[in-house]
Amino acid sequence: MLFALAMGALSAMEVVIFDYSRRADLLGKAIPADVFRWGRFVASVPVLVFLLSLPIAFMNTTPALSRGSSSSRWKCS
């Protein structure tokens, strides 16, 4: 859960820095508005994924874990 919060915060900061750098004209080249909106959307997807994983982890930890995790493949019998 802490990992998802940290990664969500880092991804959100990426969006904030991208917005700030465009407003402050810090990008190397000016980018069109539609490209900027697409870049902001794409950068926001990980924020949504990590934040949506939190309620799933609270409800049931089994779906929150990936299906083919390495721990299930390396069982010693």
Protein backbone atom coordinates (compact mmCIF):
# COMPACT_ATOMS: atom_id res chain seq x y z
CA MET A 1 0.00 0.00 0.00
CA LEU A 2 2.82 2.40 0.82
CA PHE A 3 4.44 1.58 -2.50
CA ALA A 4 1.25 2.44 -4.41
CA LEU A 5 0.94 5.74 -2.54
CA ALA A 6 4.57 6.64 -3.22
CA MET A 7 4.36 5.75 -6.91
CA GLY A 8 1.07 7.62 -7.28
CA ALA A 9 2.64 10.71 -5.71
CA LEU A 10 5.72 10.46 -7.94
CA SER A 11 3.58 10.08 -11.04
CA ALA A 12 1.44 13.04 -9.99
CA MET A 13 4.58 15.14 -9.56
CA GLU A 14 5.58 14.21 -13.11
CA VAL A 15 2.32 15.75 -14.34
CA VAL A 16 2.86 18.87 -12.20
CA ILE A 17 6.43 19.32 -13.48
CA PHE A 18 5.29 18.83 -17.08
CA ASP A 19 2.58 21.49 -16.64
CA TYR A 20 4.98 23.90 -14.95
CA SER A 21 7.71 23.45 -17.54
CA ARG A 22 5.30 24.25 -20.36
CA ARG A 23 3.89 27.34 -18.62
CA ALA A 24 7.37 28.61 -17.74
CA ASP A 25 8.57 27.95 -21.30
CA LEU A 26 11.27 25.56 -20.10
CA LEU A 27 10.74 22.96 -22.80
CA GLY A 28 13.31 22.88 -25.58
CA LYS A 29 10.67 23.39 -28.26
CA ALA A 30 7.11 24.66 -28.07
CA ILE A 31 4.65 21.80 -28.33
CA PRO A 32 1.12 22.06 -29.70
CA ALA A 33 -1.77 22.12 -27.24
CA ASP A 34 -3.15 18.75 -28.37
CA VAL A 35 0.23 17.08 -27.91
CA PHE A 36 0.51 18.65 -24.45
CA ARG A 37 -2.95 17.41 -23.46
CA TRP A 38 -2.09 13.90 -24.71
CA GLY A 39 1.19 13.92 -22.78
CA ARG A 40 -0.59 15.05 -19.62
CA PHE A 41 -3.21 12.31 -20.07
CA VAL A 42 -0.58 9.61 -20.62
CA ALA A 43 1.39 10.81 -17.58
CA SER A 44 -1.82 10.70 -15.48
CA VAL A 45 -2.61 7.07 -16.25
CA PRO A 46 -0.11 5.62 -13.73
CA VAL A 47 -1.54 7.93 -11.05
CA LEU A 48 -5.00 6.49 -11.64
CA VAL A 49 -3.76 2.91 -11.75
CA PHE A 50 -1.85 3.17 -8.49
CA LEU A 51 -4.66 5.01 -6.72
CA LEU A 52 -7.27 2.52 -7.94
CA SER A 53 -5.13 -0.35 -6.65
CA LEU A 54 -5.49 0.90 -3.07
CA PRO A 55 -9.20 0.04 -2.58
CA ILE A 56 -8.62 -3.33 -4.24
CA ALA A 57 -5.82 -4.06 -1.78
CA PHE A 58 -8.06 -3.13 1.14
CA MET A 59 -10.93 -5.33 -0.04
CA ASN A 60 -8.94 -8.44 -0.85
CA THR A 61 -5.21 -8.88 -1.25
CA THR A 62 -5.44 -11.76 -3.72
CA PRO A 63 -6.62 -9.68 -6.72
CA ALA A 64 -4.09 -7.00 -5.80
CA LEU A 65 -1.26 -9.45 -6.43
CA SER A 66 -0.26 -10.28 -9.97
CA ARG A 67 -1.37 -13.68 -11.25
CA GLY A 68 2.02 -15.04 -12.37
CA SER A 69 4.11 -13.81 -9.49
CA SER A 70 7.58 -15.20 -9.11
CA SER A 71 6.80 -16.60 -5.65
CA SER A 72 4.29 -19.07 -7.13
CA ARG A 73 6.77 -20.24 -9.79
CA TRP A 74 9.64 -20.98 -7.44
CA LYS A 75 7.98 -23.17 -4.83
CA CYS A 76 10.22 -25.88 -3.44
CA SER A 77 8.55 -29.26 -3.14
